C-alpha atoms as a PDB file:
ATOM      1  CA  MET A   1       9.684   9.967 -22.461  1.00  0.00           C
ATOM      2  CA  PRO A   2       8.651   7.063 -20.202  1.00  0.00           C
ATOM      3  CA  TYR A   3       8.797   3.384 -20.850  1.00  0.00           C
ATOM      4  CA  HIS A   4       5.354   1.837 -21.211  1.00  0.00           C
ATOM      5  CA  LEU A   5       4.986  -1.772 -20.096  1.00  0.00           C
ATOM      6  CA  ARG A   6       1.515  -2.929 -21.091  1.00  0.00           C
ATOM      7  CA  PHE A   7      -0.080  -5.739 -19.102  1.00  0.00           C
ATOM      8  CA  GLY A   8      -2.363  -8.310 -20.643  1.00  0.00           C
ATOM      9  CA  GLU A   9      -4.835 -10.513 -18.826  1.00  0.00           C
ATOM     10  CA  ALA A  10      -2.255 -13.137 -17.786  1.00  0.00           C
ATOM     11  CA  ASP A  11       0.665 -10.847 -16.975  1.00  0.00           C
ATOM     12  CA  PRO A  12      -0.262  -9.929 -13.368  1.00  0.00           C
ATOM     13  CA  LEU A  13      -0.124 -13.649 -12.566  1.00  0.00           C
ATOM     14  CA  ARG A  14       3.451 -13.829 -13.876  1.00  0.00           C
ATOM     15  CA  ILE A  15       5.146 -11.069 -11.947  1.00  0.00           C
ATOM     16  CA  ARG A  16       8.149 -12.305 -10.022  1.00  0.00           C
ATOM     17  CA  PHE A  17      10.993 -10.879  -7.989  1.00  0.00           C
ATOM     18  CA  ALA A  18      14.558 -11.912  -8.672  1.00  0.00           C
ATOM     19  CA  ILE A  19      18.068 -11.203  -7.426  1.00  0.00           C
ATOM     20  CA  SER A  20      21.044 -11.191  -9.772  1.00  0.00           C
ATOM     21  CA  PRO A  21      24.712 -11.253  -8.721  1.00  0.00           C
ATOM     22  CA  LEU A  22      25.620 -10.721 -12.379  1.00  0.00           C
ATOM     23  CA  TRP A  23      23.504  -7.570 -12.536  1.00  0.00           C
ATOM     24  CA  GLU A  24      25.134  -6.235  -9.363  1.00  0.00           C
ATOM     25  CA  THR A  25      28.584  -6.931 -10.830  1.00  0.00           C
ATOM     26  CA  HIS A  26      27.781  -5.126 -14.064  1.00  0.00           C
ATOM     27  CA  SER A  27      26.187  -2.218 -12.193  1.00  0.00           C
ATOM     28  CA  ALA A  28      29.177  -1.947  -9.838  1.00  0.00           C
ATOM     29  CA  VAL A  29      31.488  -1.600 -12.853  1.00  0.00           C
ATOM     30  CA  ARG A  30      29.223   1.191 -14.075  1.00  0.00           C
ATOM     31  CA  VAL A  31      29.356   2.930 -10.681  1.00  0.00           C
ATOM     32  CA  LEU A  32      33.174   3.044 -10.898  1.00  0.00           C
ATOM     33  CA  ALA A  33      32.806   5.281 -13.964  1.00  0.00           C
ATOM     34  CA  ARG A  34      29.841   7.376 -12.686  1.00  0.00           C
ATOM     35  CA  PRO A  35      30.701   9.772  -9.826  1.00  0.00           C
ATOM     36  CA  ARG A  36      27.025  10.740  -9.362  1.00  0.00           C
ATOM     37  CA  GLN A  37      26.240   7.148  -8.338  1.00  0.00           C
ATOM     38  CA  GLN A  38      29.057   6.781  -5.833  1.00  0.00           C
ATOM     39  CA  GLY A  39      27.676   8.697  -2.842  1.00  0.00           C
ATOM     40  CA  TYR A  40      26.238   5.724  -0.936  1.00  0.00           C
ATOM     41  CA  HIS A  41      29.196   3.471  -1.712  1.00  0.00           C
ATOM     42  CA  LEU A  42      32.278   5.395  -0.580  1.00  0.00           C
ATOM     43  CA  PRO A  43      33.366   2.815   2.057  1.00  0.00           C
ATOM     44  CA  TRP A  44      33.113   0.076  -0.564  1.00  0.00           C
ATOM     45  CA  LEU A  45      34.947   2.188  -3.144  1.00  0.00           C
ATOM     46  CA  ARG A  46      37.826   2.827  -0.756  1.00  0.00           C
ATOM     47  CA  ARG A  47      38.099  -0.858   0.079  1.00  0.00           C
ATOM     48  CA  ILE A  48      38.084  -2.169  -3.510  1.00  0.00           C
ATOM     49  CA  ALA A  49      40.169   0.621  -5.072  1.00  0.00           C
ATOM     50  CA  GLY A  50      43.320  -1.486  -5.360  1.00  0.00           C
ATOM     51  CA  ALA A  51      41.483  -4.493  -6.772  1.00  0.00           C
ATOM     52  CA  ALA A  52      39.670  -2.324  -9.328  1.00  0.00           C
ATOM     53  CA  ARG A  53      42.949  -0.873 -10.569  1.00  0.00           C
ATOM     54  CA  GLY A  54      44.148  -4.415 -11.245  1.00  0.00           C
ATOM     55  CA  ILE A  55      41.372  -5.114 -13.780  1.00  0.00           C
ATOM     56  CA  ASP A  56      41.113  -3.415 -17.178  1.00  0.00           C
ATOM     57  CA  LEU A  57      37.403  -2.610 -17.172  1.00  0.00           C
ATOM     58  CA  ALA A  58      37.590  -0.338 -20.231  1.00  0.00           C
ATOM     59  CA  PRO A  59      36.057  -2.890 -22.669  1.00  0.00           C
ATOM     60  CA  LEU A  60      32.991  -3.253 -20.428  1.00  0.00           C
ATOM     61  CA  GLN A  61      32.692   0.478 -19.802  1.00  0.00           C
ATOM     62  CA  LEU A  62      32.914   1.189 -23.546  1.00  0.00           C
ATOM     63  CA  LEU A  63      29.573  -0.619 -23.819  1.00  0.00           C
ATOM     64  CA  MET A  64      27.960   1.462 -21.056  1.00  0.00           C
ATOM     65  CA  PRO A  65      26.812   4.656 -22.770  1.00  0.00           C
ATOM     66  CA  ARG A  66      25.620   7.547 -20.650  1.00  0.00           C
ATOM     67  CA  ARG A  67      22.211   7.155 -22.245  1.00  0.00           C
ATOM     68  CA  GLY A  68      20.799   4.488 -24.471  1.00  0.00           C
ATOM     69  CA  HIS A  69      21.325   0.825 -25.146  1.00  0.00           C
ATOM     70  CA  SER A  70      23.758  -1.436 -23.321  1.00  0.00           C
ATOM     71  CA  PRO A  71      24.119  -5.070 -24.443  1.00  0.00           C
ATOM     72  CA  ASP A  72      21.310  -7.033 -22.818  1.00  0.00           C
ATOM     73  CA  PHE A  73      23.158 -10.330 -23.141  1.00  0.00           C
ATOM     74  CA  LEU A  74      25.817  -9.177 -20.634  1.00  0.00           C
ATOM     75  CA  TYR A  75      23.245  -9.019 -17.818  1.00  0.00           C
ATOM     76  CA  PRO A  76      20.074 -10.815 -18.923  1.00  0.00           C
ATOM     77  CA  PRO A  77      17.105 -11.161 -16.561  1.00  0.00           C
ATOM     78  CA  PRO A  78      17.952 -13.746 -13.885  1.00  0.00           C
ATOM     79  CA  LEU A  79      17.251 -17.378 -14.666  1.00  0.00           C
ATOM     80  CA  GLY A  80      15.377 -17.809 -11.387  1.00  0.00           C
ATOM     81  CA  PRO A  81      14.582 -15.971  -8.157  1.00  0.00           C
ATOM     82  CA  ALA A  82      18.104 -16.530  -6.788  1.00  0.00           C
ATOM     83  CA  ALA A  83      20.435 -17.625  -9.587  1.00  0.00           C
ATOM     84  CA  THR A  84      24.116 -18.028  -8.742  1.00  0.00           C
ATOM     85  CA  PHE A  85      26.785 -16.005 -10.468  1.00  0.00           C
ATOM     86  CA  GLU A  86      28.172 -19.213 -11.976  1.00  0.00           C
ATOM     87  CA  GLU A  87      24.804 -19.999 -13.582  1.00  0.00           C
ATOM     88  CA  GLU A  88      24.418 -16.485 -14.920  1.00  0.00           C
ATOM     89  CA  ILE A  89      27.926 -16.114 -16.344  1.00  0.00           C
ATOM     90  CA  GLY A  90      27.554 -19.551 -17.941  1.00  0.00           C
ATOM     91  CA  ALA A  91      24.529 -18.243 -19.851  1.00  0.00           C
ATOM     92  CA  VAL A  92      26.524 -15.194 -20.980  1.00  0.00           C
ATOM     93  CA  ARG A  93      29.287 -17.425 -22.343  1.00  0.00           C
ATOM     94  CA  GLU A  94      26.732 -19.312 -24.456  1.00  0.00           C
ATOM     95  CA  THR A  95      25.501 -16.157 -26.224  1.00  0.00           C
ATOM     96  CA  ASP A  96      25.050 -16.490 -29.977  1.00  0.00           C
ATOM     97  CA  PRO A  97      27.759 -14.302 -31.619  1.00  0.00           C
ATOM     98  CA  ALA A  98      25.175 -12.959 -34.081  1.00  0.00           C
ATOM     99  CA  LEU A  99      23.018 -11.691 -31.215  1.00  0.00           C
ATOM    100  CA  ALA A 100      26.112 -10.258 -29.528  1.00  0.00           C
ATOM    101  CA  LEU A 101      27.132  -8.432 -32.715  1.00  0.00           C
ATOM    102  CA  THR A 102      23.730  -6.727 -32.904  1.00  0.00           C
ATOM    103  CA  ASP A 103      24.056  -5.668 -29.276  1.00  0.00           C
ATOM    104  CA  PHE A 104      27.619  -4.403 -29.839  1.00  0.00           C
ATOM    105  CA  GLU A 105      26.542  -2.334 -32.844  1.00  0.00           C
ATOM    106  CA  ARG A 106      23.651  -0.719 -30.976  1.00  0.00           C
ATOM    107  CA  ALA A 107      25.668   0.041 -27.839  1.00  0.00           C
ATOM    108  CA  LEU A 108      28.700   1.442 -29.665  1.00  0.00           C
ATOM    109  CA  ALA A 109      26.472   3.663 -31.795  1.00  0.00           C
ATOM    110  CA  GLU A 110      25.247   5.421 -28.626  1.00  0.00           C
ATOM    111  CA  THR A 111      28.700   6.987 -27.994  1.00  0.00           C
ATOM    112  CA  PRO A 112      30.221   9.020 -30.848  1.00  0.00           C
ATOM    113  CA  GLY A 113      33.484   7.477 -32.000  1.00  0.00           C
ATOM    114  CA  ALA A 114      33.191   4.319 -29.877  1.00  0.00           C
ATOM    115  CA  ALA A 115      32.933   2.000 -32.888  1.00  0.00           C
ATOM    116  CA  GLU A 116      36.161   3.434 -34.317  1.00  0.00           C
ATOM    117  CA  THR A 117      38.268   2.781 -31.220  1.00  0.00           C
ATOM    118  CA  THR A 118      40.633  -0.182 -31.196  1.00  0.00           C
ATOM    119  CA  GLU A 119      38.372  -2.070 -28.802  1.00  0.00           C
ATOM    120  CA  GLY A 120      35.227  -1.158 -30.740  1.00  0.00           C
ATOM    121  CA  ARG A 121      36.682  -2.452 -34.003  1.00  0.00           C
ATOM    122  CA  ARG A 122      37.828  -5.641 -32.275  1.00  0.00           C
ATOM    123  CA  LEU A 123      34.365  -6.340 -30.865  1.00  0.00           C
ATOM    124  CA  LEU A 124      32.699  -5.800 -34.225  1.00  0.00           C
ATOM    125  CA  ALA A 125      35.242  -7.887 -36.127  1.00  0.00           C
ATOM    126  CA  ASP A 126      35.056 -10.926 -33.828  1.00  0.00           C
ATOM    127  CA  PRO A 127      31.933 -10.958 -31.637  1.00  0.00           C
ATOM    128  CA  ALA A 128      32.573 -14.528 -30.420  1.00  0.00           C
ATOM    129  CA  ASP A 129      35.939 -13.440 -29.042  1.00  0.00           C
ATOM    130  CA  GLY A 130      34.240 -10.381 -27.571  1.00  0.00           C
ATOM    131  CA  VAL A 131      31.698 -12.520 -25.706  1.00  0.00           C
ATOM    132  CA  ALA A 132      34.470 -14.650 -24.205  1.00  0.00           C
ATOM    133  CA  ARG A 133      36.656 -11.694 -23.187  1.00  0.00           C
ATOM    134  CA  LEU A 134      33.780  -9.738 -21.674  1.00  0.00           C
ATOM    135  CA  ALA A 135      32.599 -12.787 -19.729  1.00  0.00           C
ATOM    136  CA  ASP A 136      36.142 -13.193 -18.376  1.00  0.00           C
ATOM    137  CA  LEU A 137      36.154  -9.541 -17.316  1.00  0.00           C
ATOM    138  CA  LEU A 138      32.788  -9.859 -15.594  1.00  0.00           C
ATOM    139  CA  GLU A 139      34.022 -12.928 -13.746  1.00  0.00           C
ATOM    140  CA  ALA A 140      37.174 -11.108 -12.635  1.00  0.00           C
ATOM    141  CA  ALA A 141      35.068  -8.133 -11.501  1.00  0.00           C
ATOM    142  CA  TRP A 142      32.736 -10.429  -9.572  1.00  0.00           C
ATOM    143  CA  GLU A 143      35.571 -12.126  -7.727  1.00  0.00           C
ATOM    144  CA  ALA A 144      37.416  -8.903  -6.881  1.00  0.00           C
ATOM    145  CA  LEU A 145      34.634  -6.370  -6.336  1.00  0.00           C
ATOM    146  CA  ILE A 146      31.412  -8.144  -5.352  1.00  0.00           C
ATOM    147  CA  ALA A 147      31.944 -11.703  -4.094  1.00  0.00           C
ATOM    148  CA  PRO A 148      33.643 -10.662  -0.802  1.00  0.00           C
ATOM    149  CA  ASP A 149      30.576  -8.567   0.097  1.00  0.00           C
ATOM    150  CA  TRP A 150      27.918 -10.715  -1.546  1.00  0.00           C
ATOM    151  CA  PRO A 151      26.427 -12.056   1.749  1.00  0.00           C
ATOM    152  CA  ARG A 152      25.831  -8.467   2.877  1.00  0.00           C
ATOM    153  CA  LEU A 153      24.453  -7.389  -0.506  1.00  0.00           C
ATOM    154  CA  ARG A 154      22.270 -10.463  -0.855  1.00  0.00           C
ATOM    155  CA  ALA A 155      20.814  -9.927   2.629  1.00  0.00           C
ATOM    156  CA  LEU A 156      19.751  -6.391   1.715  1.00  0.00           C
ATOM    157  CA  LEU A 157      18.260  -7.527  -1.602  1.00  0.00           C
ATOM    158  CA  GLU A 158      16.410 -10.436  -0.007  1.00  0.00           C
ATOM    159  CA  ALA A 159      15.046  -8.087   2.645  1.00  0.00           C
ATOM    160  CA  ASP A 160      13.724  -5.806  -0.092  1.00  0.00           C
ATOM    161  CA  VAL A 161      12.025  -8.728  -1.820  1.00  0.00           C
ATOM    162  CA  ALA A 162      10.512  -9.919   1.462  1.00  0.00           C
ATOM    163  CA  TYR A 163       9.190  -6.430   2.250  1.00  0.00           C
ATOM    164  CA  HIS A 164       7.619  -5.855  -1.159  1.00  0.00           C
ATOM    165  CA  SER A 165       6.212  -9.382  -1.311  1.00  0.00           C
ATOM    166  CA  ARG A 166       4.427  -8.643   1.950  1.00  0.00           C
ATOM    167  CA  ARG A 167       3.146  -5.333   0.553  1.00  0.00           C
ATOM    168  CA  LEU A 168       1.848  -7.177  -2.509  1.00  0.00           C
ATOM    169  CA  ALA A 169      -0.017  -9.595  -0.262  1.00  0.00           C
ATOM    170  CA  GLU A 170      -1.453  -6.741   1.815  1.00  0.00           C
ATOM    171  CA  GLY A 171      -2.416  -4.293  -0.909  1.00  0.00           C
ATOM    172  CA  GLY A 172      -2.313  -5.989  -4.277  1.00  0.00           C
ATOM    173  CA  LEU A 173      -0.492  -5.201  -7.501  1.00  0.00           C
ATOM    174  CA  GLU A 174      -1.523  -1.554  -7.718  1.00  0.00           C
ATOM    175  CA  ARG A 175      -0.064  -0.711  -4.301  1.00  0.00           C
ATOM    176  CA  LEU A 176       3.121  -2.651  -5.024  1.00  0.00           C
ATOM    177  CA  LEU A 177       3.845  -0.892  -8.305  1.00  0.00           C
ATOM    178  CA  SER A 178       2.980   2.547  -6.938  1.00  0.00           C
ATOM    179  CA  GLU A 179       5.345   2.102  -3.959  1.00  0.00           C
ATOM    180  CA  LEU A 180       8.404   0.537  -5.570  1.00  0.00           C
ATOM    181  CA  HIS A 181       9.912   3.804  -6.806  1.00  0.00           C
ATOM    182  CA  PRO A 182       8.817   7.397  -7.563  1.00  0.00           C
ATOM    183  CA  ALA A 183       9.608   6.763 -11.237  1.00  0.00           C
ATOM    184  CA  PHE A 184       6.775   4.220 -11.417  1.00  0.00           C
ATOM    185  CA  ASP A 185       3.274   5.273 -12.411  1.00  0.00           C
ATOM    186  CA  TRP A 186       0.621   2.583 -12.616  1.00  0.00           C
ATOM    187  CA  ALA A 187      -2.289   3.461 -14.916  1.00  0.00           C
ATOM    188  CA  ALA A 188      -5.060   1.095 -13.866  1.00  0.00           C
ATOM    189  CA  GLU A 189      -7.424   2.155 -16.630  1.00  0.00           C
ATOM    190  CA  THR A 190      -5.038   0.903 -19.318  1.00  0.00           C
ATOM    191  CA  ALA A 191      -3.154  -1.686 -17.204  1.00  0.00           C
ATOM    192  CA  THR A 192       0.105   0.066 -18.071  1.00  0.00           C
ATOM    193  CA  LEU A 193       3.195   0.608 -15.956  1.00  0.00           C
ATOM    194  CA  ARG A 194       4.910   3.849 -16.957  1.00  0.00           C
ATOM    195  CA  VAL A 195       8.538   4.084 -15.948  1.00  0.00           C
ATOM    196  CA  ALA A 196      10.173   7.527 -16.126  1.00  0.00           C
ATOM    197  CA  TYR A 197      13.419   6.958 -18.002  1.00  0.00           C
ATOM    198  CA  ALA A 198      15.611   8.746 -20.534  1.00  0.00           C
ATOM    199  CA  GLY A 199      14.266   7.049 -23.610  1.00  0.00           C
ATOM    200  CA  GLU A 200      11.033   5.908 -25.186  1.00  0.00           C
ATOM    201  CA  HIS A 201       9.966   2.286 -25.101  1.00  0.00           C
ATOM    202  CA  ASP A 202       6.584   0.681 -25.561  1.00  0.00           C
ATOM    203  CA  ARG A 203       6.296  -3.024 -24.926  1.00  0.00           C
ATOM    204  CA  PRO A 204       3.325  -5.314 -24.476  1.00  0.00           C
ATOM    205  CA  LEU A 205       4.234  -8.005 -21.978  1.00  0.00           C
ATOM    206  CA  ASP A 206       2.349 -10.587 -24.069  1.00  0.00           C
ATOM    207  CA  GLY A 207       1.885 -13.051 -21.250  1.00  0.00           C
ATOM    208  CA  GLN A 208       5.562 -13.111 -20.220  1.00  0.00           C
ATOM    209  CA  GLY A 209       4.879 -11.198 -17.022  1.00  0.00           C
ATOM    210  CA  LEU A 210       7.470  -8.901 -15.489  1.00  0.00           C
ATOM    211  CA  VAL A 211      10.654  -9.424 -13.485  1.00  0.00           C
ATOM    212  CA  LEU A 212      11.100  -6.928 -10.632  1.00  0.00           C
ATOM    213  CA  MET A 213      14.735  -6.800  -9.539  1.00  0.00           C
ATOM    214  CA  PRO A 214      16.025  -4.791  -6.569  1.00  0.00           C
ATOM    215  CA  SER A 215      19.569  -3.529  -6.987  1.00  0.00           C
ATOM    216  CA  VAL A 216      22.206  -2.015  -4.721  1.00  0.00           C
ATOM    217  CA  PHE A 217      24.279  -0.315  -7.402  1.00  0.00           C
ATOM    218  CA  THR A 218      21.487   0.931  -9.696  1.00  0.00           C
ATOM    219  CA  TRP A 219      20.695   3.924  -7.434  1.00  0.00           C
ATOM    220  CA  PRO A 220      19.423   6.541  -8.210  1.00  0.00           C
ATOM    221  CA  ASP A 221      18.115   5.168 -11.494  1.00  0.00           C
ATOM    222  CA  VAL A 222      15.427   2.745 -12.507  1.00  0.00           C
ATOM    223  CA  VAL A 223      16.488   0.620 -15.475  1.00  0.00           C
ATOM    224  CA  SER A 224      13.961  -0.982 -17.765  1.00  0.00           C
ATOM    225  CA  GLY A 225      13.795  -2.269 -21.302  1.00  0.00           C
ATOM    226  CA  PHE A 226      15.337  -5.611 -22.219  1.00  0.00           C
ATOM    227  CA  ASP A 227      14.320  -6.233 -25.811  1.00  0.00           C
ATOM    228  CA  PRO A 228      13.179  -9.669 -26.999  1.00  0.00           C
ATOM    229  CA  PRO A 229      14.165 -12.459 -26.518  1.00  0.00           C
ATOM    230  CA  TRP A 230      14.685 -11.327 -22.913  1.00  0.00           C
ATOM    231  CA  GLN A 231      11.841 -11.260 -20.416  1.00  0.00           C
ATOM    232  CA  PRO A 232      10.648  -7.725 -19.601  1.00  0.00           C
ATOM    233  CA  THR A 233      12.481  -6.563 -16.474  1.00  0.00           C
ATOM    234  CA  VAL A 234      12.670  -3.491 -14.256  1.00  0.00           C
ATOM    235  CA  ALA A 235      15.637  -2.987 -11.926  1.00  0.00           C
ATOM    236  CA  TYR A 236      15.042  -0.495  -9.112  1.00  0.00           C
ATOM    237  CA  PRO A 237      17.087   0.753  -6.108  1.00  0.00           C
ATOM    238  CA  ALA A 238      16.710  -1.525  -3.098  1.00  0.00           C
ATOM    239  CA  ARG A 239      15.483  -0.193   0.221  1.00  0.00           C
ATOM    240  CA  GLY A 240      18.053   0.480   2.920  1.00  0.00           C
ATOM    241  CA  ILE A 241      21.168   1.171   0.862  1.00  0.00           C
ATOM    242  CA  GLY A 242      21.877   4.300   2.920  1.00  0.00           C
ATOM    243  CA  GLY A 243      23.069   2.145   5.809  1.00  0.00           C
ATOM    244  CA  LEU A 244      24.483  -0.720   3.765  1.00  0.00           C
ATOM    245  CA  TRP A 245      28.158  -0.070   4.441  1.00  0.00           C
ATOM    246  CA  ALA A 246      27.828   1.157   8.021  1.00  0.00           C
ATOM    247  CA  GLU A 247      29.427  -1.159  10.555  1.00  0.00           C
ATOM    248  CA  ALA A 248      27.299  -2.529  13.370  1.00  0.00           C
ATOM    249  CA  ARG A 249      29.231  -0.671  16.102  1.00  0.00           C
ATOM    250  CA  ASP A 250      28.433   2.623  14.346  1.00  0.00           C
ATOM    251  CA  ARG A 251      24.694   1.892  14.615  1.00  0.00           C
ATOM    252  CA  THR A 252      24.541   0.890  18.283  1.00  0.00           C
ATOM    253  CA  PRO A 253      23.837   3.498  20.969  1.00  0.00           C
ATOM    254  CA  GLU A 254      26.357   3.168  23.774  1.00  0.00           C
ATOM    255  CA  VAL A 255      23.615   3.102  26.404  1.00  0.00           C
ATOM    256  CA  LEU A 256      22.073   0.078  24.685  1.00  0.00           C
ATOM    257  CA  ALA A 257      25.444  -1.693  24.592  1.00  0.00           C
ATOM    258  CA  ARG A 258      25.796  -1.143  28.337  1.00  0.00           C
ATOM    259  CA  LEU A 259      22.303  -2.465  28.964  1.00  0.00           C
ATOM    260  CA  PHE A 260      22.306  -5.554  26.732  1.00  0.00           C
ATOM    261  CA  GLY A 261      25.997  -6.176  26.154  1.00  0.00           C
ATOM    262  CA  ARG A 262      27.851  -5.062  23.041  1.00  0.00           C
ATOM    263  CA  VAL A 263      27.242  -8.090  20.822  1.00  0.00           C
ATOM    264  CA  ARG A 264      23.544  -8.518  21.616  1.00  0.00           C
ATOM    265  CA  ALA A 265      22.932  -4.782  21.139  1.00  0.00           C
ATOM    266  CA  ASP A 266      24.816  -4.892  17.818  1.00  0.00           C
ATOM    267  CA  VAL A 267      22.616  -7.794  16.681  1.00  0.00           C
ATOM    268  CA  LEU A 268      19.448  -5.855  17.489  1.00  0.00           C
ATOM    269  CA  CYS A 269      20.608  -2.609  15.894  1.00  0.00           C
ATOM    270  CA  ALA A 270      21.929  -4.286  12.732  1.00  0.00           C
ATOM    271  CA  LEU A 271      18.457  -5.533  11.824  1.00  0.00           C
ATOM    272  CA  ASP A 272      17.297  -2.453   9.944  1.00  0.00           C
ATOM    273  CA  GLU A 273      15.972  -4.944   7.383  1.00  0.00           C
ATOM    274  CA  PRO A 274      14.918  -8.585   7.819  1.00  0.00           C
ATOM    275  CA  MET A 275      18.017 -10.769   7.723  1.00  0.00           C
ATOM    276  CA  GLY A 276      19.096 -14.375   8.143  1.00  0.00           C
ATOM    277  CA  THR A 277      21.631 -15.661  10.653  1.00  0.00           C
ATOM    278  CA  THR A 278      24.469 -16.213   8.155  1.00  0.00           C
ATOM    279  CA  ALA A 279      24.187 -12.779   6.552  1.00  0.00           C
ATOM    280  CA  LEU A 280      23.915 -11.103   9.959  1.00  0.00           C
ATOM    281  CA  ALA A 281      26.979 -12.993  11.238  1.00  0.00           C
ATOM    282  CA  HIS A 282      28.929 -11.870   8.164  1.00  0.00           C
ATOM    283  CA  ARG A 283      27.921  -8.253   8.707  1.00  0.00           C
ATOM    284  CA  LEU A 284      28.889  -8.359  12.378  1.00  0.00           C
ATOM    285  CA  GLY A 285      32.068 -10.381  11.896  1.00  0.00           C
ATOM    286  CA  ARG A 286      30.816 -12.973  14.408  1.00  0.00           C
ATOM    287  CA  ALA A 287      30.399 -16.736  14.390  1.00  0.00           C
ATOM    288  CA  PRO A 288      26.925 -17.799  13.174  1.00  0.00           C
ATOM    289  CA  SER A 289      26.475 -19.932  16.306  1.00  0.00           C
ATOM    290  CA  SER A 290      27.043 -16.890  18.537  1.00  0.00           C
ATOM    291  CA  VAL A 291      24.696 -14.696  16.501  1.00  0.00           C
ATOM    292  CA  SER A 292      22.056 -17.432  16.504  1.00  0.00           C
ATOM    293  CA  ALA A 293      22.143 -17.609  20.304  1.00  0.00           C
ATOM    294  CA  HIS A 294      21.688 -13.848  20.652  1.00  0.00           C
ATOM    295  CA  LEU A 295      18.846 -13.871  18.107  1.00  0.00           C
ATOM    296  CA  ALA A 296      17.050 -16.525  20.144  1.00  0.00           C
ATOM    297  CA  VAL A 297      17.324 -14.466  23.336  1.00  0.00           C
ATOM    298  CA  LEU A 298      16.101 -11.283  21.622  1.00  0.00           C
ATOM    299  CA  ARG A 299      13.189 -13.161  20.070  1.00  0.00           C
ATOM    300  CA  ASP A 300      12.219 -14.708  23.403  1.00  0.00           C
ATOM    301  CA  ALA A 301      12.283 -11.205  24.917  1.00  0.00           C
ATOM    302  CA  GLY A 302       9.777  -9.994  22.326  1.00  0.00           C
ATOM    303  CA  LEU A 303      12.255  -7.718  20.544  1.00  0.00           C
ATOM    304  CA  LEU A 304      12.459  -9.798  17.360  1.00  0.00           C
ATOM    305  CA  THR A 305      10.164 -11.962  15.300  1.00  0.00           C
ATOM    306  CA  SER A 306      11.141 -14.616  12.779  1.00  0.00           C
ATOM    307  CA  ARG A 307       9.596 -16.154   9.678  1.00  0.00           C
ATOM    308  CA  ARG A 308      10.697 -18.533   6.995  1.00  0.00           C
ATOM    309  CA  TYR A 309      11.542 -17.134   3.559  1.00  0.00           C
ATOM    310  CA  GLY A 310      12.597 -19.779   1.053  1.00  0.00           C
ATOM    311  CA  HIS A 311      15.471 -21.796   2.479  1.00  0.00           C
ATOM    312  CA  GLN A 312      16.222 -19.536   5.412  1.00  0.00           C
ATOM    313  CA  VAL A 313      14.710 -17.916   8.489  1.00  0.00           C
ATOM    314  CA  LEU A 314      14.597 -14.117   8.469  1.00  0.00           C
ATOM    315  CA  TYR A 315      14.619 -12.088  11.690  1.00  0.00           C
ATOM    316  CA  GLU A 316      13.208  -8.594  12.055  1.00  0.00           C
ATOM    317  CA  ARG A 317      12.516  -6.218  14.902  1.00  0.00           C
ATOM    318  CA  THR A 318       9.100  -6.048  16.505  1.00  0.00           C
ATOM    319  CA  PRO A 319       7.596  -2.623  17.308  1.00  0.00           C
ATOM    320  CA  LEU A 320       9.123  -2.983  20.786  1.00  0.00           C
ATOM    321  CA  GLY A 321      12.493  -3.867  19.260  1.00  0.00           C
ATOM    322  CA  ILE A 322      12.319  -0.834  16.983  1.00  0.00           C
ATOM    323  CA  ALA A 323      11.530   1.442  19.929  1.00  0.00           C
ATOM    324  CA  VAL A 324      14.347   0.027  22.054  1.00  0.00           C
ATOM    325  CA  SER A 325      16.943   0.250  19.298  1.00  0.00           C
ATOM    326  CA  GLN A 326      16.355   3.903  18.436  1.00  0.00           C
ATOM    327  CA  PRO A 327      19.197   6.226  19.510  1.00  0.00           C
ATOM    328  CA  GLY A 328      18.191   8.100  22.604  1.00  0.00           C
ATOM    329  CA  GLY A 329      21.404   9.666  23.822  1.00  0.00           C
ATOM    330  CA  ASP A 330      23.785   8.385  26.505  1.00  0.00           C
END
């Protein structure tokens, strides 16, 4: 049965996009236990394998049932459009133990026998201790598994937000919601967003609006829900994750490298999605000053365009840049 998110008169005015490093951390821990979700992330999995073995993630994974409720307080909707991990984990640490206990009970009940395990009994007996220990685990997972790659992940997520924000401006809310993911079905006659999901949920937005959150590690699922007091939120797979872990040299046709020079060709071919200088430099393993110089040349040649998004300038290929960067044999 689908989730039904019912819009009132004010809710379309309160739709916002957000990016959450805490959500990506939690979802990455889930991916480690879900082989079906690992296909796009094999290079990352190979790289972090040793670090993952050094963290006991079992208490977190006990609260990640195959289907059903996971504790909302462990990954609440982001505080703002680009909250830091430190801000988000700080909010987790301040969770009311009574709210945490309710979440623990619901999540453990989804997996037969989970509440009777040693860890399950410990969480139920002392939810305040459980909040602190789980927050420590999430912080350790962030530092070991996500933080080293966060510039690359954030660039992809910001590119998704920029793309869909532009589509919203061009085609309105109906086009945006119909294009975000095949699981979405916008019913204009009832102002209801139906989200295909394994579970039944019916929630009026009641003027809170909706948070739309692209995610790298959610694929292939769309995740919705978030019971009160949390703001209604839908996390969906970000665009472009198929090439997320590919290195720039793997993307660049050799003939283009001979024509433009290796670094400049890598810069052009790495821009599958709009990206800022810092994130692009991190992806290419180059100094930001060097990447910035190449971006300026490519823009002056008509191969790139730039625009400001928040605090940074995003670069993307023009139609000519797209045509030039396509593999054509060598």
